[in-house]
Protein backbone atom coordinates (compact mmCIF):
# COMPACT_ATOMS: atom_id res chain seq x y z
CA MET A 1 6.87 14.90 -16.95
CA ILE A 2 4.82 12.39 -14.97
CA GLU A 3 2.29 10.57 -17.17
CA THR A 4 1.25 7.80 -14.75
CA ILE A 5 0.99 7.65 -10.97
CA VAL A 6 0.93 4.20 -9.38
CA LEU A 7 -0.11 4.07 -5.73
CA ASP A 8 0.46 1.45 -3.07
CA ILE A 9 -2.62 0.41 -1.09
CA GLY A 10 -2.09 -0.21 2.65
CA GLU A 11 -1.21 3.01 4.50
CA THR A 12 -1.14 4.88 1.20
CA ILE A 13 -4.73 4.63 0.02
CA THR A 14 -6.28 2.85 3.01
CA ARG A 15 -5.82 2.98 6.77
CA ASP A 16 -4.82 -0.32 8.36
CA ASP A 17 -6.52 0.43 11.70
CA ARG A 18 -9.66 -1.60 11.08
CA TYR A 19 -7.74 -4.34 9.26
CA TRP A 20 -5.77 -5.15 12.41
CA ALA A 21 -8.74 -4.58 14.70
CA LEU A 22 -10.72 -7.23 12.81
CA TRP A 23 -7.82 -9.66 13.06
CA ALA A 24 -7.54 -9.02 16.81
CA ASP A 25 -11.24 -9.62 17.30
CA TRP A 26 -11.15 -12.83 15.29
CA LEU A 27 -8.18 -14.21 17.23
CA ASP A 28 -9.58 -12.97 20.56
CA ILE A 29 -6.52 -10.81 21.20
CA PRO A 30 -6.81 -7.33 22.74
CA ARG A 31 -6.64 -4.78 19.96
CA HIS A 32 -3.96 -2.79 21.73
CA THR A 33 -1.79 -5.89 22.08
CA LEU A 34 -1.89 -6.69 18.38
CA SER A 35 -1.33 -3.04 17.48
CA ALA A 36 1.77 -2.98 19.70
CA LEU A 37 3.05 -6.16 18.09
CA VAL A 38 2.60 -4.64 14.64
CA GLY A 39 4.72 -1.72 15.81
CA ALA A 40 7.36 -4.13 17.08
CA VAL A 41 7.71 -5.98 13.78
CA VAL A 42 7.82 -2.69 11.89
CA ALA A 43 10.73 -1.56 14.09
CA ARG A 44 12.49 -4.85 13.35
CA GLY A 45 11.98 -4.43 9.62
CA GLN A 46 9.81 -7.56 9.43
CA ASP A 47 6.64 -8.24 7.49
CA ASN A 48 3.44 -7.17 9.25
CA ALA A 49 2.12 -10.75 9.28
CA GLU A 50 4.83 -11.59 11.80
CA ALA A 51 2.71 -9.73 14.36
CA LEU A 52 0.11 -12.50 14.13
CA ARG A 53 2.79 -15.14 14.63
CA LEU A 54 4.13 -13.31 17.66
CA ALA A 55 0.64 -13.16 19.13
CA LEU A 56 -0.11 -16.82 18.42
CA PRO A 57 3.03 -18.89 17.75
CA GLY A 58 2.34 -21.63 15.25
CA ILE A 59 -0.64 -19.88 13.68
CA ASP A 60 -1.42 -20.80 10.07
CA VAL A 61 -2.23 -17.32 8.79
CA ALA A 62 -3.62 -18.51 5.46
CA ALA A 63 -5.91 -21.04 7.15
CA GLU A 64 -7.17 -18.42 9.60
CA TYR A 65 -7.81 -16.01 6.73
CA ASP A 66 -9.94 -18.66 4.99
CA ALA A 67 -11.78 -19.42 8.24
CA ARG A 68 -12.62 -15.74 8.68
CA GLU A 69 -14.01 -15.56 5.16
CA ALA A 70 -16.05 -18.71 5.65
CA ALA A 71 -17.50 -17.30 8.86
CA GLY A 72 -18.51 -14.06 7.18
CA ARG A 73 -15.95 -12.09 9.18
CA GLY A 74 -13.35 -11.64 6.46
CA GLU A 75 -11.80 -8.66 4.74
CA ASP A 76 -13.86 -5.51 4.65
CA LEU A 77 -13.23 -2.08 3.17
CA ASP A 78 -15.53 0.90 3.05
CA GLU A 79 -15.29 4.65 2.65
CA SER A 80 -14.15 5.09 6.25
CA ASP A 81 -10.97 3.14 5.49
CA LEU A 82 -9.79 5.67 2.90
CA TYR A 83 -7.49 8.50 3.90
CA ASP A 84 -9.16 11.88 3.49
CA ASP A 85 -6.84 13.03 0.71
CA VAL A 86 -7.37 10.00 -1.54
CA ARG A 87 -10.43 11.02 -3.56
CA PRO A 88 -9.40 14.68 -3.99
CA ALA A 89 -5.88 13.73 -5.06
CA LEU A 90 -6.90 10.98 -7.48
CA SER A 91 -9.50 13.26 -9.05
CA MET A 92 -6.90 16.00 -9.52
CA PHE A 93 -4.49 13.55 -11.14
CA GLN A 94 -7.10 12.45 -13.66
CA GLN A 95 -8.15 16.03 -14.36
CA ALA A 96 -4.51 16.76 -15.13
CA GLY A 97 -4.52 13.96 -17.70
CA VAL A 98 -2.42 11.58 -15.58
CA ARG A 99 -3.16 7.85 -15.66
CA VAL A 100 -3.94 6.57 -12.15
CA VAL A 101 -3.11 2.99 -11.15
CA ILE A 102 -3.53 1.47 -7.69
CA ALA A 103 -1.32 -1.58 -7.18
CA GLY A 104 -0.18 -3.13 -3.91
CA ASN A 105 0.35 -6.27 -1.88
CA GLN A 106 -3.22 -7.29 -1.20
CA THR A 107 -5.58 -10.18 -1.82
CA PRO A 108 -7.96 -10.56 -4.78
CA ARG A 109 -10.78 -9.87 -2.32
CA ALA A 110 -9.21 -6.51 -1.40
CA ALA A 111 -9.11 -5.62 -5.10
CA GLU A 112 -12.83 -6.35 -5.42
CA LEU A 113 -13.63 -4.24 -2.37
CA LEU A 114 -11.56 -1.32 -3.64
CA ARG A 115 -13.23 -1.45 -7.05
CA ASP A 116 -16.61 -1.37 -5.32
CA LEU A 117 -15.65 2.02 -3.84
CA ASP A 118 -15.65 3.50 -7.36
CA LEU A 119 -12.39 5.38 -6.88
CA PRO A 120 -11.22 7.81 -9.59
CA ALA A 121 -8.59 5.39 -10.90
CA ASP A 122 -7.94 3.84 -14.30
CA LEU A 123 -6.90 0.47 -12.87
CA ILE A 124 -6.91 -1.28 -9.49
CA VAL A 125 -4.91 -4.49 -9.19
CA THR A 126 -3.30 -6.50 -6.38
CA SER A 127 -0.45 -8.92 -5.90
CA GLY A 128 -2.98 -11.65 -5.20
CA GLU A 129 -4.40 -11.21 -8.70
CA TRP A 130 -0.99 -11.06 -10.33
CA GLY A 131 0.45 -13.98 -8.41
CA VAL A 132 3.57 -11.99 -7.57
CA ALA A 133 4.20 -9.60 -4.68
CA LYS A 134 6.45 -6.71 -3.80
CA PRO A 135 9.37 -6.40 -3.50
CA GLN A 136 9.91 -8.96 -6.29
CA PRO A 137 11.15 -7.35 -9.53
CA GLU A 138 8.38 -9.10 -11.49
CA PHE A 139 5.78 -7.09 -9.58
CA PHE A 140 7.34 -3.85 -10.79
CA ARG A 141 7.68 -5.18 -14.33
CA ARG A 142 3.92 -5.69 -14.18
CA VAL A 143 3.55 -2.16 -12.82
CA LEU A 144 5.44 -0.78 -15.80
CA ASP A 145 3.28 -2.80 -18.19
CA VAL A 146 0.04 -1.36 -16.79
CA ALA A 147 1.51 2.13 -16.37
CA GLN A 148 1.55 2.48 -20.17
CA ALA A 149 4.32 5.05 -19.85
CA ALA A 150 8.11 5.08 -19.82
CA PRO A 151 9.70 4.30 -16.43
CA ARG A 152 10.94 7.87 -15.97
CA ALA A 153 7.42 9.14 -16.69
CA SER A 154 5.90 6.76 -14.12
CA LEU A 155 5.78 7.59 -10.41
CA TYR A 156 5.32 4.93 -7.71
CA VAL A 157 4.00 6.19 -4.38
CA GLY A 158 4.27 4.21 -1.14
CA ASP A 159 5.14 4.22 2.54
CA HIS A 160 7.37 1.15 2.78
CA PRO A 161 11.10 1.47 1.98
CA ALA A 162 11.80 -2.22 1.30
CA ASN A 163 8.55 -2.92 -0.55
CA ASP A 164 8.00 0.39 -2.33
CA VAL A 165 10.87 2.87 -2.44
CA PHE A 166 13.90 0.69 -3.15
CA PRO A 167 12.45 -1.89 -5.60
CA ALA A 168 10.45 0.72 -7.53
CA LYS A 169 13.58 2.83 -7.98
CA ALA A 170 15.57 -0.26 -8.98
CA ALA A 171 12.96 -0.90 -11.68
CA GLY A 172 13.57 2.57 -13.08
CA LEU A 173 10.44 4.31 -11.82
CA ARG A 174 10.37 7.69 -10.12
CA VAL A 175 9.52 7.30 -6.44
CA ALA A 176 7.65 9.29 -3.80
CA HIS A 177 7.99 8.15 -0.18
CA LEU A 178 4.85 8.91 1.81
CA ARG A 179 5.18 9.69 5.51
CA ARG A 180 2.08 7.76 6.51
CA GLY A 181 1.46 4.80 8.80
CA PRO A 182 4.14 3.14 10.96
CA TRP A 183 6.54 2.35 8.12
CA GLY A 184 6.27 5.78 6.56
CA HIS A 185 6.95 7.59 9.84
CA LEU A 186 9.63 5.28 11.20
CA TRP A 187 11.77 5.39 8.06
CA ALA A 188 11.02 8.94 6.90
CA GLU A 189 14.46 10.28 7.80
CA ASP A 190 16.44 7.15 7.02
CA PRO A 191 19.48 8.28 4.96
CA GLU A 192 18.92 5.62 2.29
CA VAL A 193 15.27 6.57 1.87
CA VAL A 194 16.20 10.25 1.68
CA ALA A 195 18.85 9.48 -0.94
CA VAL A 196 16.71 7.20 -3.11
CA ALA A 197 13.28 8.86 -3.07
CA ASP A 198 12.73 11.50 -5.75
CA TRP A 199 10.14 13.15 -3.51
CA ARG A 200 9.16 12.83 0.16
CA ILE A 201 5.61 13.81 0.95
CA ASP A 202 3.10 13.97 3.81
CA SER A 203 -0.06 14.00 1.70
CA LEU A 204 -1.11 12.71 -1.72
CA THR A 205 -2.34 16.18 -2.63
CA GLN A 206 1.29 17.36 -2.61
CA LEU A 207 1.77 15.30 -5.77
CA THR A 208 -0.44 17.63 -7.78
CA GLU A 209 2.35 20.21 -7.94
CA ILE A 210 4.79 17.50 -9.01
CA VAL A 211 2.42 16.45 -11.79
CA LYS A 212 1.97 20.02 -12.96
CA GLY A 213 5.73 20.50 -12.98
């Protein structure tokens, strides 16, 4: 029985479209160009931030992030960034008595913005707040601490094989691979993902039947 569901953030809860569009605008790069570069690094199995380094070799990503914030053009999240199934699914989980945790590789600012959306979740936390990021085992030890349930009664949901599926399973959690965003679609039929994931889903609402079961 699943007692706690822990959800990744980017391309699980939120769309990354506007995230990359804002970066492109800040760096004065055509949006399509940066989007294509994101696709290229996904295909290579690299971190998304490599797209910025491909676009502007030598870029100090952290410094540019701080400059954006200082200029009032930093991170932004609103209702339009949420996938349509997020609120209905999270509400159904809580109605079923399941603890809902949102935990992903994001900044402290992203955590604040998500909390401001008043999502039906018991806890929202990010790697920036914890000081440790996926796929490090310590991140998933923290996940298990906040899950407040046994590993086999805790389900981690995400789109990214290397950051979500494999390390969550290695930590003893149940895992659902979500076919969403570039990572989720590109690796959906990968034999290792198919073998490791306990469930493979196209929508968060599909998890309600898993919870009931």
